[in-house]
Amino acid sequence: MERRRYSQTNDVYVEGDQEEEQEPPMSSWLSRTASSHTAQLAATAVVSGAVVAGAILGYQHTRRKNRVRDLKNSIPDVGEDATKELTEYGSASPAEFPSNMNKEDERGAALAVRARQGDYDEDLILEQLARNRVFLTDAGLAKLRSSFVIVVGCGGVGSHATAALTRSGVSKIRLIDFDQVTLSSLNRHAVATLADVGTQKVQCLRKRLEQVAPWVEFDCCNQVFTTANAGSLLGPWEPSNQKPDYIIDAIDDVRSKVALLAYCHNNSLPIISSMGAGCKSDPTRLFIGDISTSTEDPLSRSTRRRLRALGIEKGLPVVYSTEKPGPGKAQLLPLPDEEFEKGKVGELGILPDFRVRILPVLGTMPAVFGYAVANHVILEVTGYPHEYIPWKGREKMYEAILANLQGLEERLVAHAGDTTQGVRIPVSQKDVAYLVEEVFRGKSVVSGLPSRLVLVRWRAPEGRLALDRRWQGQKSVKLELTDLVCMTKDEAVVHEREVLKGGRRPEDLYDREVLELVEERVKEEASFERFR
């Protein structure tokens, strides 16, 4: 019979003289594990982690439930008058101030309420405006503080203009804009923060600027400006019935812009308009002048043409840039094909007739425009002397172009075998400026060059050059503006020799690109002829 024994030393069973490994009892394993310090620490960590995780999850669950409950409680009941529950900033919170306002915003709003009720020290106001006071004198500052200014458009230009007026002492400001603050507008907005994204632009300005000058009264109108509501939006300040001392146009939509400018012009309301800051980068090219002198700006060009249809050609001060587009500079890109596939392009905007393409804007330029506009308003309201240096116009160039056209027509008359004495052309210097700047964008239709420009007939007259001889001692050539194109002097020499006198057609001399460009410009002029 074989002997069998258990060796505690080696944890094995031994049969006979041989040892064979076997599984140890569970109690032995537990005993050994309990005696290990590292294992004890690991077990403790696991248990502690489980307890902490449970506590965190429980807290988050409870917190979510409480927040949902608070959110539901902040929504007015269906049977209640909901407008009574909304705060002036559009919040549904029943508290005095919106629930998303931080402590600083709440203090600013509370201080503004007190200041508008007269609970604000006049000496503090004068100290804050001390530098303007010594610059404008007491009388000038008093005019500014009692003024009422309307800002239409509270984006990049309008927000900076409003901020400047607020800091300078204007006490009554009406803000008009239908839009909300977007994330992409933070690169050019004067005061908006991330917390303001999604809120009304007018209320954003009010909230932030009340913390700067709590005594300023803001009238916020979250509306689109149209001809229909112009009377109410540009109406007097209530209850004092004070008419606006100045109006700022900072709209980037042509239709609304024209409606505003025309209304102010026809009702003798003082206004200054900001032309396009998009695609501009040179602040030294900024000028303030009459709208009739503004150039190199598509927004200005479209605005002028539409105003002409309403009989308005001048008398509106504008801020504009004479910076020319060029290679490497930003430009408004066309819509991709997939946008046209969605339907009519005009229906893609958030509102009818509003632009739907992204306009490249360097964030600093709207600020430059906005402060220039605000500066003009301050000088006008206070009566401070100012005389702007006009942009060096191109009147001499227009005179030279007109003289060159006169000479060309006389040569054509002579070529037709008639006398040139007393020949006149039905084109004025104003017409020359319009054709060169508005229709042909200051460039040759042949080469695109902007220098040494002239106007010439595009096609030779059919048959003998006709002269109007209805009046004794006077004869004039029959010439329409749609007959003329813009070229350089060198190009015009070739064109006169080959087309106007040589019998060739433009199609024989120019490539398809030039022909299509001329056709496009002529059609454009024909459609806008009624605007002149």
Protein backbone atom coordinates (compact mmCIF):
# COMPACT_ATOMS: atom_id res chain seq x y z
CA MET A 1 0.00 0.00 0.00
CA GLU A 2 1.44 3.31 -1.09
CA ARG A 3 1.94 6.03 1.38
CA ARG A 4 0.33 9.41 0.77
CA ARG A 5 1.00 12.62 2.60
CA TYR A 6 0.59 16.41 2.13
CA SER A 7 3.64 18.57 2.11
CA GLN A 8 2.81 22.01 3.51
CA THR A 9 6.24 23.27 2.60
CA ASN A 10 5.74 22.75 -1.14
CA ASP A 11 1.93 22.86 -1.25
CA VAL A 12 1.80 19.45 -2.98
CA TYR A 13 0.56 15.91 -2.32
CA VAL A 14 3.18 13.30 -2.14
CA GLU A 15 2.55 9.64 -3.01
CA GLY A 16 5.27 7.28 -2.19
CA ASP A 17 8.53 9.04 -2.64
CA GLN A 18 7.31 11.33 -5.49
CA GLU A 19 5.72 14.77 -5.22
CA GLU A 20 2.87 15.83 -7.57
CA GLU A 21 1.45 19.37 -7.78
CA GLN A 22 -2.24 19.77 -6.92
CA GLU A 23 -4.65 22.77 -6.60
CA PRO A 24 -4.46 24.36 -3.14
CA PRO A 25 -7.59 24.78 -1.07
CA MET A 26 -9.59 28.11 -1.46
CA SER A 27 -8.99 29.05 2.16
CA SER A 28 -5.28 28.94 1.52
CA TRP A 29 -5.60 31.31 -1.47
CA LEU A 30 -7.67 33.77 0.49
CA SER A 31 -5.26 33.68 3.33
CA ARG A 32 -2.35 34.33 1.02
CA THR A 33 -4.16 37.16 -0.82
CA ALA A 34 -5.17 38.85 2.39
CA SER A 35 -1.57 38.80 3.52
CA SER A 36 -0.47 40.77 0.34
CA HIS A 37 -0.30 44.59 0.92
CA THR A 38 -0.48 45.41 -2.80
CA ALA A 39 -3.64 43.40 -3.27
CA GLN A 40 -5.28 45.16 -0.36
CA LEU A 41 -4.55 48.58 -1.88
CA ALA A 42 -5.91 47.52 -5.26
CA ALA A 43 -9.11 46.20 -3.74
CA THR A 44 -9.57 49.42 -1.79
CA ALA A 45 -9.10 51.52 -4.96
CA VAL A 46 -11.64 49.50 -6.89
CA VAL A 47 -14.24 49.82 -4.17
CA SER A 48 -13.57 53.55 -3.71
CA GLY A 49 -13.80 54.20 -7.45
CA ALA A 50 -17.11 52.44 -7.65
CA VAL A 51 -18.46 54.48 -4.77
CA VAL A 52 -17.26 57.81 -6.25
CA ALA A 53 -18.57 56.97 -9.73
CA GLY A 54 -21.93 56.14 -8.28
CA ALA A 55 -21.99 59.40 -6.36
CA ILE A 56 -21.06 61.47 -9.47
CA LEU A 57 -23.63 59.79 -11.68
CA GLY A 58 -26.26 60.26 -9.04
CA TYR A 59 -25.39 63.95 -8.68
CA GLN A 60 -25.46 64.54 -12.44
CA HIS A 61 -28.80 62.81 -12.75
CA THR A 62 -30.26 64.91 -9.94
CA ARG A 63 -28.76 68.08 -11.44
CA ARG A 64 -30.25 67.35 -14.86
CA LYS A 65 -33.65 66.77 -13.34
CA ASN A 66 -33.46 70.06 -11.44
CA ARG A 67 -32.38 72.00 -14.54
CA VAL A 68 -35.17 70.51 -16.62
CA ARG A 69 -37.62 71.37 -13.87
CA ASP A 70 -36.35 74.97 -13.69
CA LEU A 71 -36.52 75.29 -17.48
CA LYS A 72 -40.10 74.03 -17.55
CA ASN A 73 -41.06 76.35 -14.73
CA SER A 74 -39.66 79.33 -16.63
CA ILE A 75 -42.03 78.73 -19.58
CA PRO A 76 -45.33 80.61 -19.15
CA ASP A 77 -48.48 78.53 -18.98
CA VAL A 78 -50.64 78.42 -22.09
CA GLY A 79 -53.40 80.36 -20.43
CA GLU A 80 -51.14 83.18 -19.22
CA ASP A 81 -50.31 86.40 -21.03
CA ALA A 82 -46.87 85.31 -22.22
CA THR A 83 -45.68 88.78 -23.03
CA LYS A 84 -45.83 89.70 -19.37
CA GLU A 85 -43.40 86.92 -18.60
CA LEU A 86 -40.82 87.95 -21.20
CA THR A 87 -38.01 90.24 -20.12
CA GLU A 88 -36.83 93.17 -22.24
CA TYR A 89 -33.97 91.00 -23.51
CA GLY A 90 -36.32 88.28 -24.78
CA SER A 91 -35.89 85.83 -21.89
CA ALA A 92 -38.78 83.76 -20.55
CA SER A 93 -37.39 83.97 -17.03
CA PRO A 94 -39.82 85.52 -14.56
CA ALA A 95 -36.90 87.14 -12.72
CA GLU A 96 -36.20 90.85 -13.02
CA PHE A 97 -33.19 90.12 -15.21
CA PRO A 98 -32.59 87.27 -17.68
CA SER A 99 -31.45 84.04 -16.09
CA ASN A 100 -28.44 83.80 -18.40
CA MET A 101 -27.00 87.16 -17.29
CA ASN A 102 -23.93 87.06 -15.13
CA LYS A 103 -23.51 89.19 -12.03
CA GLU A 104 -21.77 91.98 -13.92
CA ASP A 105 -24.57 92.15 -16.48
CA GLU A 106 -27.16 92.23 -13.71
CA ARG A 107 -25.36 95.06 -11.94
CA GLY A 108 -25.06 97.00 -15.19
CA ALA A 109 -28.73 96.55 -16.01
CA ALA A 110 -29.79 97.56 -12.50
CA LEU A 111 -27.56 100.64 -12.62
CA ALA A 112 -29.00 101.61 -16.02
CA VAL A 113 -32.54 101.41 -14.65
CA ARG A 114 -31.61 103.70 -11.77
CA ALA A 115 -29.69 106.11 -14.03
CA ARG A 116 -32.62 106.48 -16.44
CA GLN A 117 -34.81 107.31 -13.45
CA GLY A 118 -32.41 110.11 -12.50
CA ASP A 119 -30.58 108.26 -9.74
CA TYR A 120 -27.09 108.96 -11.09
CA ASP A 121 -24.67 111.70 -10.09
CA GLU A 122 -24.30 114.39 -12.76
CA ASP A 123 -20.71 114.99 -11.68
CA LEU A 124 -19.85 111.40 -12.55
CA ILE A 125 -21.28 111.85 -16.03
CA LEU A 126 -19.30 115.04 -16.61
CA GLU A 127 -16.14 113.38 -15.35
CA GLN A 128 -16.62 110.48 -17.74
CA LEU A 129 -17.16 112.95 -20.60
CA ALA A 130 -14.41 115.32 -19.47
CA ARG A 131 -12.20 114.98 -22.57
CA ASN A 132 -15.12 115.53 -24.94
CA ARG A 133 -16.22 118.44 -22.76
CA VAL A 134 -12.96 120.35 -23.09
CA PHE A 135 -12.83 119.59 -26.83
CA LEU A 136 -16.41 120.50 -27.72
CA THR A 137 -16.89 123.10 -24.96
CA ASP A 138 -19.81 123.04 -22.54
CA ALA A 139 -22.20 124.31 -25.20
CA GLY A 140 -21.17 121.64 -27.70
CA LEU A 141 -21.36 118.84 -25.18
CA ALA A 142 -24.80 120.04 -24.09
CA LYS A 143 -26.01 119.78 -27.70
CA LEU A 144 -24.59 116.29 -27.98
CA ARG A 145 -26.11 115.11 -24.71
CA SER A 146 -29.54 116.38 -25.67
CA SER A 147 -29.43 114.89 -29.18
CA PHE A 148 -31.45 111.99 -30.54
CA VAL A 149 -29.66 109.76 -33.07
CA ILE A 150 -31.05 106.79 -35.01
CA VAL A 151 -28.77 103.96 -36.17
CA VAL A 152 -30.23 101.70 -38.87
CA GLY A 153 -28.19 98.51 -39.13
CA CYS A 154 -26.37 97.23 -36.05
CA GLY A 155 -23.72 94.99 -37.57
CA GLY A 156 -20.04 95.80 -37.93
CA VAL A 157 -20.33 99.46 -39.01
CA GLY A 158 -23.45 100.25 -37.00
CA SER A 159 -22.22 98.68 -33.75
CA HIS A 160 -18.96 100.67 -33.79
CA ALA A 161 -20.82 103.88 -34.63
CA THR A 162 -23.27 103.27 -31.78
CA ALA A 163 -20.47 102.52 -29.33
CA ALA A 164 -18.69 105.75 -30.27
CA LEU A 165 -21.85 107.84 -29.90
CA THR A 166 -22.65 106.25 -26.55
CA ARG A 167 -19.17 106.91 -25.17
CA SER A 168 -19.24 110.47 -26.53
CA GLY A 169 -22.39 111.55 -24.73
CA VAL A 170 -25.41 111.07 -27.00
CA SER A 171 -28.25 110.36 -24.57
CA LYS A 172 -31.04 109.05 -26.81
CA ILE A 173 -30.28 106.38 -29.39
CA ARG A 174 -32.76 104.33 -31.40
CA LEU A 175 -31.39 101.05 -32.77
CA ILE A 176 -33.03 99.40 -35.79
CA ASP A 177 -32.05 95.92 -37.00
CA PHE A 178 -33.95 92.70 -37.59
CA ASP A 179 -30.99 90.33 -37.27
CA GLN A 180 -29.28 88.33 -34.52
CA VAL A 181 -25.64 88.11 -33.50
CA THR A 182 -23.88 85.24 -35.27
CA LEU A 183 -20.61 83.54 -34.51
CA SER A 184 -19.10 84.75 -37.78
CA SER A 185 -19.96 88.39 -36.99
CA LEU A 186 -17.77 88.49 -33.88
CA ASN A 187 -14.74 89.40 -36.02
CA ARG A 188 -16.18 92.87 -36.67
CA HIS A 189 -18.83 93.58 -34.02
CA ALA A 190 -17.95 96.29 -31.52
CA VAL A 191 -19.20 94.75 -28.27
CA ALA A 192 -20.72 91.28 -28.88
CA THR A 193 -19.28 88.27 -27.04
CA LEU A 194 -19.80 84.53 -27.39
CA ALA A 195 -22.57 84.78 -24.84
CA ASP A 196 -24.46 87.12 -27.20
CA VAL A 197 -24.55 84.74 -30.16
CA GLY A 198 -28.18 84.09 -31.08
CA THR A 199 -29.50 87.22 -29.38
CA GLN A 200 -30.94 90.30 -31.08
CA LYS A 201 -28.29 92.72 -32.28
CA VAL A 202 -30.18 95.72 -30.94
CA GLN A 203 -30.51 94.20 -27.46
CA CYS A 204 -26.90 93.04 -27.47
CA LEU A 205 -25.75 96.62 -28.07
CA ARG A 206 -28.05 97.96 -25.42
CA LYS A 207 -26.99 95.42 -22.81
CA ARG A 208 -23.27 95.97 -23.34
CA LEU A 209 -23.32 99.74 -23.73
CA GLU A 210 -25.51 100.28 -20.68
CA GLN A 211 -22.52 99.07 -18.71
CA VAL A 212 -20.46 101.87 -20.26
CA ALA A 213 -22.94 104.75 -20.03
CA PRO A 214 -25.95 103.74 -17.93
CA TRP A 215 -27.63 107.12 -18.35
CA VAL A 216 -28.08 106.63 -22.12
CA GLU A 217 -31.62 105.71 -23.20
CA PHE A 218 -31.95 103.07 -25.93
CA ASP A 219 -35.02 102.41 -28.04
CA CYS A 220 -34.55 98.96 -29.60
CA CYS A 221 -36.52 98.09 -32.74
CA ASN A 222 -36.03 94.51 -33.90
CA GLN A 223 -37.47 95.12 -37.37
CA VAL A 224 -36.53 95.26 -41.04
CA PHE A 225 -36.51 98.81 -42.38
CA THR A 226 -38.92 99.26 -45.29
CA THR A 227 -40.73 102.13 -46.94
CA ALA A 228 -43.93 100.98 -45.25
CA ASN A 229 -42.62 101.34 -41.69
CA ALA A 230 -40.27 104.28 -42.31
CA GLY A 231 -42.62 106.78 -40.73
CA SER A 232 -42.81 104.95 -37.41
CA LEU A 233 -39.18 103.82 -37.21
CA LEU A 234 -37.83 107.30 -38.00
CA GLY A 235 -40.50 109.06 -35.98
CA PRO A 236 -39.91 111.32 -32.98
CA TRP A 237 -38.66 110.20 -29.59
CA GLU A 238 -41.46 109.69 -27.13
CA PRO A 239 -42.70 111.16 -24.87
CA SER A 240 -40.70 114.32 -25.65
CA ASN A 241 -41.75 114.26 -29.35
CA GLN A 242 -38.15 115.08 -30.32
CA LYS A 243 -37.29 114.63 -33.98
CA PRO A 244 -34.06 112.82 -34.82
CA ASP A 245 -31.04 115.10 -34.96
CA TYR A 246 -29.21 112.67 -37.20
CA ILE A 247 -29.66 109.27 -38.80
CA ILE A 248 -26.93 106.76 -39.60
CA ASP A 249 -27.38 104.34 -42.48
CA ALA A 250 -25.33 101.20 -41.85
CA ILE A 251 -27.45 98.83 -43.97
CA ASP A 252 -25.74 96.42 -46.36
CA ASP A 253 -28.86 95.57 -48.39
CA VAL A 254 -29.34 97.82 -51.42
CA ARG A 255 -33.13 97.86 -51.44
CA SER A 256 -33.47 98.84 -47.78
CA LYS A 257 -30.58 101.29 -48.11
CA VAL A 258 -32.19 103.11 -51.02
CA ALA A 259 -35.55 103.19 -49.23
CA LEU A 260 -33.93 104.78 -46.17
CA LEU A 261 -31.89 107.35 -48.10
CA ALA A 262 -34.82 108.33 -50.31
CA TYR A 263 -37.14 108.77 -47.32
CA CYS A 264 -34.64 110.94 -45.47
CA HIS A 265 -33.88 113.01 -48.58
CA ASN A 266 -37.55 113.63 -49.33
CA ASN A 267 -38.38 114.45 -45.71
CA SER A 268 -35.31 116.63 -45.05
CA LEU A 269 -33.97 114.33 -42.35
CA PRO A 270 -30.18 114.63 -41.86
CA ILE A 271 -28.47 111.35 -42.65
CA ILE A 272 -25.04 109.96 -43.42
CA SER A 273 -24.62 106.64 -45.19
CA SER A 274 -21.84 104.10 -44.99
CA MET A 275 -20.94 102.55 -48.29
CA GLY A 276 -19.37 99.10 -48.57
CA ALA A 277 -16.59 98.08 -46.16
CA GLY A 278 -16.41 94.60 -47.64
CA CYS A 279 -13.33 93.67 -49.68
CA LYS A 280 -11.59 96.85 -48.44
CA SER A 281 -8.27 96.87 -46.58
CA ASP A 282 -6.70 100.35 -46.93
CA PRO A 283 -7.92 102.82 -44.29
CA THR A 284 -6.01 105.68 -45.96
CA ARG A 285 -8.42 105.54 -48.91
CA LEU A 286 -11.45 106.46 -46.80
CA PHE A 287 -13.30 109.67 -47.69
CA ILE A 288 -16.42 111.53 -46.63
CA GLY A 289 -18.24 113.29 -49.43
CA ASP A 290 -21.38 113.50 -51.50
CA ILE A 291 -22.72 110.25 -52.91
CA SER A 292 -22.23 111.61 -56.42
CA THR A 293 -18.44 111.56 -55.88
CA SER A 294 -18.16 108.02 -54.50
CA THR A 295 -16.36 105.54 -56.73
CA GLU A 296 -14.76 102.09 -56.73
CA ASP A 297 -17.59 100.63 -54.67
CA PRO A 298 -20.22 98.21 -56.04
CA LEU A 299 -22.66 99.02 -53.21
CA SER A 300 -22.30 102.74 -53.91
CA ARG A 301 -22.77 102.18 -57.63
CA SER A 302 -25.97 100.19 -57.15
CA THR A 303 -27.26 102.71 -54.63
CA ARG A 304 -26.61 105.67 -56.94
CA ARG A 305 -28.35 104.03 -59.86
CA ARG A 306 -31.47 103.20 -57.88
CA LEU A 307 -31.58 106.68 -56.36
CA ARG A 308 -31.44 108.19 -59.85
CA ALA A 309 -34.65 106.33 -60.63
CA LEU A 310 -36.19 108.30 -57.79
CA GLY A 311 -34.77 111.61 -59.00
CA ILE A 312 -32.01 111.81 -56.39
CA GLU A 313 -28.49 112.36 -57.73
CA LYS A 314 -26.71 114.23 -54.94
CA GLY A 315 -27.16 115.82 -51.54
CA LEU A 316 -26.44 112.73 -49.43
CA PRO A 317 -23.16 112.54 -47.47
CA VAL A 318 -21.50 109.14 -47.50
CA VAL A 319 -18.39 107.43 -46.17
CA TYR A 320 -16.69 105.49 -48.94
CA SER A 321 -13.38 103.98 -49.93
CA THR A 322 -11.56 104.71 -53.19
CA GLU A 323 -9.52 101.53 -52.89
CA LYS A 324 -9.46 99.68 -56.18
CA PRO A 325 -9.78 95.91 -56.52
CA GLY A 326 -6.73 94.12 -57.81
CA PRO A 327 -4.92 90.81 -58.17
CA GLY A 328 -4.63 88.97 -54.89
CA LYS A 329 -7.29 91.10 -53.19
CA ALA A 330 -10.54 89.74 -51.76
CA GLN A 331 -13.61 89.77 -53.94
CA LEU A 332 -17.21 88.65 -53.74
CA LEU A 333 -17.26 85.15 -55.18
CA PRO A 334 -20.18 83.86 -57.29
CA LEU A 335 -22.62 81.39 -55.84
CA PRO A 336 -21.78 77.74 -56.48
CA ASP A 337 -23.91 75.85 -58.99
CA GLU A 338 -25.63 73.80 -56.31
CA GLU A 339 -27.14 76.99 -54.85
CA PHE A 340 -28.74 77.85 -58.20
CA GLU A 341 -30.14 74.33 -58.38
CA LYS A 342 -32.15 75.01 -55.23
CA GLY A 343 -34.32 77.50 -57.08
CA LYS A 344 -34.36 81.25 -57.51
CA VAL A 345 -31.28 82.76 -55.92
CA GLY A 346 -33.29 85.59 -54.42
CA GLU A 347 -35.30 83.08 -52.42
CA LEU A 348 -32.23 81.62 -50.70
CA GLY A 349 -31.75 84.54 -48.32
CA ILE A 350 -33.24 84.83 -44.89
CA LEU A 351 -35.41 87.66 -46.19
CA PRO A 352 -36.46 88.60 -49.74
CA ASP A 353 -33.82 90.57 -51.70
CA PHE A 354 -31.16 90.20 -49.01
CA ARG A 355 -27.71 89.10 -50.13
CA VAL A 356 -27.01 85.39 -49.88
CA ARG A 357 -23.31 85.32 -50.75
CA ILE A 358 -20.57 85.58 -48.16
CA LEU A 359 -18.97 89.01 -48.32
CA PRO A 360 -15.26 88.96 -47.41
CA VAL A 361 -14.75 91.48 -44.62
CA LEU A 362 -11.52 92.37 -42.86
CA GLY A 363 -12.69 92.88 -39.27
CA THR A 364 -10.93 96.23 -38.81
CA MET A 365 -12.51 98.03 -41.78
CA PRO A 366 -16.14 98.17 -40.54
CA ALA A 367 -14.77 99.77 -37.37
CA VAL A 368 -12.97 102.43 -39.44
CA PHE A 369 -16.18 103.15 -41.37
CA GLY A 370 -18.26 103.16 -38.18
CA TYR A 371 -16.03 105.62 -36.35
CA ALA A 372 -15.86 107.89 -39.40
CA VAL A 373 -19.66 107.95 -39.52
CA ALA A 374 -19.98 108.62 -35.79
CA ASN A 375 -17.33 111.35 -35.98
CA HIS A 376 -19.31 113.12 -38.70
CA VAL A 377 -22.49 112.96 -36.63
CA ILE A 378 -20.75 114.39 -33.56
CA LEU A 379 -19.30 117.30 -35.54
CA GLU A 380 -22.61 118.05 -37.24
CA VAL A 381 -24.72 117.87 -34.09
CA THR A 382 -22.37 120.04 -32.02
CA GLY A 383 -21.65 122.51 -34.82
CA TYR A 384 -17.92 121.89 -34.60
CA PRO A 385 -16.04 123.36 -37.60
CA HIS A 386 -15.06 120.78 -40.18
CA GLU A 387 -14.11 120.86 -43.83
CA TYR A 388 -13.24 117.53 -45.37
CA ILE A 389 -10.51 117.28 -47.95
CA PRO A 390 -12.26 116.08 -51.07
CA TRP A 391 -10.96 113.12 -52.94
CA LYS A 392 -8.92 114.27 -55.88
CA GLY A 393 -11.62 113.85 -58.46
CA ARG A 394 -11.36 112.93 -62.09
CA GLU A 395 -13.05 116.02 -63.48
CA LYS A 396 -10.05 116.90 -65.63
CA MET A 397 -10.03 113.38 -66.99
CA TYR A 398 -13.73 113.67 -67.85
CA GLU A 399 -13.10 116.97 -69.57
CA ALA A 400 -10.32 115.39 -71.64
CA ILE A 401 -12.50 112.41 -72.57
CA LEU A 402 -15.33 114.73 -73.63
CA ALA A 403 -12.96 116.82 -75.76
CA ASN A 404 -11.55 113.67 -77.36
CA LEU A 405 -15.08 112.46 -78.17
CA GLN A 406 -15.91 115.83 -79.70
CA GLY A 407 -12.82 115.60 -81.90
CA LEU A 408 -13.64 112.05 -82.95
CA GLU A 409 -17.17 112.98 -84.01
CA GLU A 410 -15.86 115.93 -86.00
CA ARG A 411 -13.43 113.65 -87.81
CA LEU A 412 -16.28 111.27 -88.65
CA VAL A 413 -18.34 114.18 -89.97
CA ALA A 414 -15.43 115.24 -92.12
CA HIS A 415 -14.92 111.66 -93.28
CA ALA A 416 -18.56 111.64 -94.40
CA GLY A 417 -17.86 114.74 -96.52
CA ASP A 418 -19.61 117.33 -94.35
CA THR A 419 -18.26 120.49 -92.72
CA THR A 420 -17.29 120.30 -89.07
CA GLN A 421 -17.90 123.90 -88.14
CA GLY A 422 -20.50 124.20 -85.37
CA VAL A 423 -20.84 120.45 -84.85
CA ARG A 424 -22.02 119.55 -81.36
CA ILE A 425 -22.47 116.26 -79.55
CA PRO A 426 -25.39 115.46 -77.18
CA VAL A 427 -23.06 114.27 -74.40
CA SER A 428 -22.13 116.18 -71.25
CA GLN A 429 -19.27 115.84 -68.81
CA LYS A 430 -21.75 114.28 -66.42
CA ASP A 431 -22.62 111.68 -69.05
CA VAL A 432 -18.92 110.95 -69.52
CA ALA A 433 -18.46 110.40 -65.79
CA TYR A 434 -21.48 108.12 -65.70
CA LEU A 435 -20.33 105.98 -68.63
CA VAL A 436 -16.73 105.70 -67.49
CA GLU A 437 -17.38 105.03 -63.81
CA GLU A 438 -20.79 103.37 -63.65
CA VAL A 439 -21.13 101.46 -66.90
CA PHE A 440 -17.55 100.53 -67.78
CA ARG A 441 -16.14 100.50 -64.21
CA GLY A 442 -13.26 102.80 -65.15
CA LYS A 443 -11.67 100.23 -67.47
CA SER A 444 -11.22 99.55 -71.15
CA VAL A 445 -13.59 96.93 -72.57
CA VAL A 446 -10.77 95.65 -74.75
CA SER A 447 -7.83 95.27 -72.37
CA GLY A 448 -9.23 96.10 -68.93
CA LEU A 449 -6.62 98.85 -68.50
CA PRO A 450 -7.71 101.81 -66.31
CA SER A 451 -5.46 104.56 -67.73
CA ARG A 452 -5.61 106.95 -70.71
CA LEU A 453 -9.28 106.23 -71.30
CA VAL A 454 -11.52 107.62 -74.05
CA LEU A 455 -15.05 107.05 -75.31
CA VAL A 456 -15.66 105.95 -78.91
CA ARG A 457 -18.52 104.66 -81.00
CA TRP A 458 -18.67 100.87 -80.94
CA ARG A 459 -20.09 100.57 -84.46
CA ALA A 460 -19.81 102.83 -87.48
CA PRO A 461 -22.97 104.80 -88.31
CA GLU A 462 -25.14 103.10 -90.87
CA GLY A 463 -24.89 104.97 -94.12
CA ARG A 464 -24.04 108.66 -94.06
CA LEU A 465 -23.43 110.15 -90.60
CA ALA A 466 -26.69 111.92 -89.77
CA LEU A 467 -26.69 115.48 -88.51
CA ASP A 468 -29.57 117.24 -86.81
CA ARG A 469 -30.03 120.56 -88.65
CA ARG A 470 -33.45 121.54 -87.35
CA TRP A 471 -32.15 124.73 -85.78
CA GLN A 472 -30.55 127.42 -87.86
CA GLY A 473 -26.85 127.85 -87.14
CA GLN A 474 -26.74 124.68 -85.09
CA LYS A 475 -26.03 121.10 -86.05
CA SER A 476 -25.46 118.08 -83.86
CA VAL A 477 -24.64 114.45 -84.44
CA LYS A 478 -27.13 111.79 -83.51
CA LEU A 479 -25.49 109.86 -80.72
CA GLU A 480 -26.87 107.73 -77.91
CA LEU A 481 -24.95 106.78 -74.78
CA THR A 482 -25.52 103.14 -75.67
CA ASP A 483 -23.50 103.77 -78.85
CA LEU A 484 -20.31 104.44 -76.86
CA VAL A 485 -17.72 102.17 -75.28
CA CYS A 486 -14.63 102.84 -73.17
CA MET A 487 -11.14 102.13 -74.53
CA THR A 488 -7.59 103.38 -74.11
CA LYS A 489 -6.37 106.02 -76.53
CA ASP A 490 -4.17 103.54 -78.39
CA GLU A 491 -7.01 101.07 -78.77
CA ALA A 492 -9.33 103.85 -79.95
CA VAL A 493 -6.91 104.84 -82.71
CA VAL A 494 -7.01 101.30 -84.14
CA HIS A 495 -10.77 101.08 -83.65
CA GLU A 496 -11.36 104.37 -85.49
CA ARG A 497 -9.17 103.31 -88.42
CA GLU A 498 -10.48 99.76 -88.77
CA VAL A 499 -14.14 99.98 -87.71
CA LEU A 500 -15.39 103.56 -87.86
CA LYS A 501 -13.61 104.44 -91.09
CA GLY A 502 -12.35 101.13 -92.51
CA GLY A 503 -15.65 99.37 -92.88
CA ARG A 504 -14.86 96.40 -90.63
CA ARG A 505 -17.26 95.15 -87.99
CA PRO A 506 -16.29 94.78 -84.32
CA GLU A 507 -16.85 91.03 -84.75
CA ASP A 508 -14.03 91.03 -87.29
CA LEU A 509 -11.58 92.72 -84.94
CA TYR A 510 -12.27 91.52 -81.38
CA ASP A 511 -12.54 88.13 -79.73
CA ARG A 512 -15.67 86.66 -78.23
CA GLU A 513 -14.85 87.73 -74.68
CA VAL A 514 -14.68 91.41 -75.64
CA LEU A 515 -17.87 91.20 -77.69
CA GLU A 516 -19.79 89.60 -74.83
CA LEU A 517 -18.52 92.18 -72.37
CA VAL A 518 -19.63 95.06 -74.59
CA GLU A 519 -23.03 93.46 -75.11
CA GLU A 520 -23.41 92.99 -71.35
CA ARG A 521 -22.47 96.61 -70.59
CA VAL A 522 -24.75 98.01 -73.31
CA LYS A 523 -27.71 95.99 -72.05
CA GLU A 524 -26.98 97.10 -68.52
CA GLU A 525 -26.90 100.73 -69.54
CA ALA A 526 -30.15 100.35 -71.48
CA SER A 527 -31.87 98.89 -68.42
CA PHE A 528 -30.55 101.65 -66.16
CA GLU A 529 -31.10 104.51 -68.62
CA ARG A 530 -34.31 105.48 -66.83
CA PHE A 531 -32.31 105.99 -63.64
CA ARG A 532 -30.38 108.87 -65.15
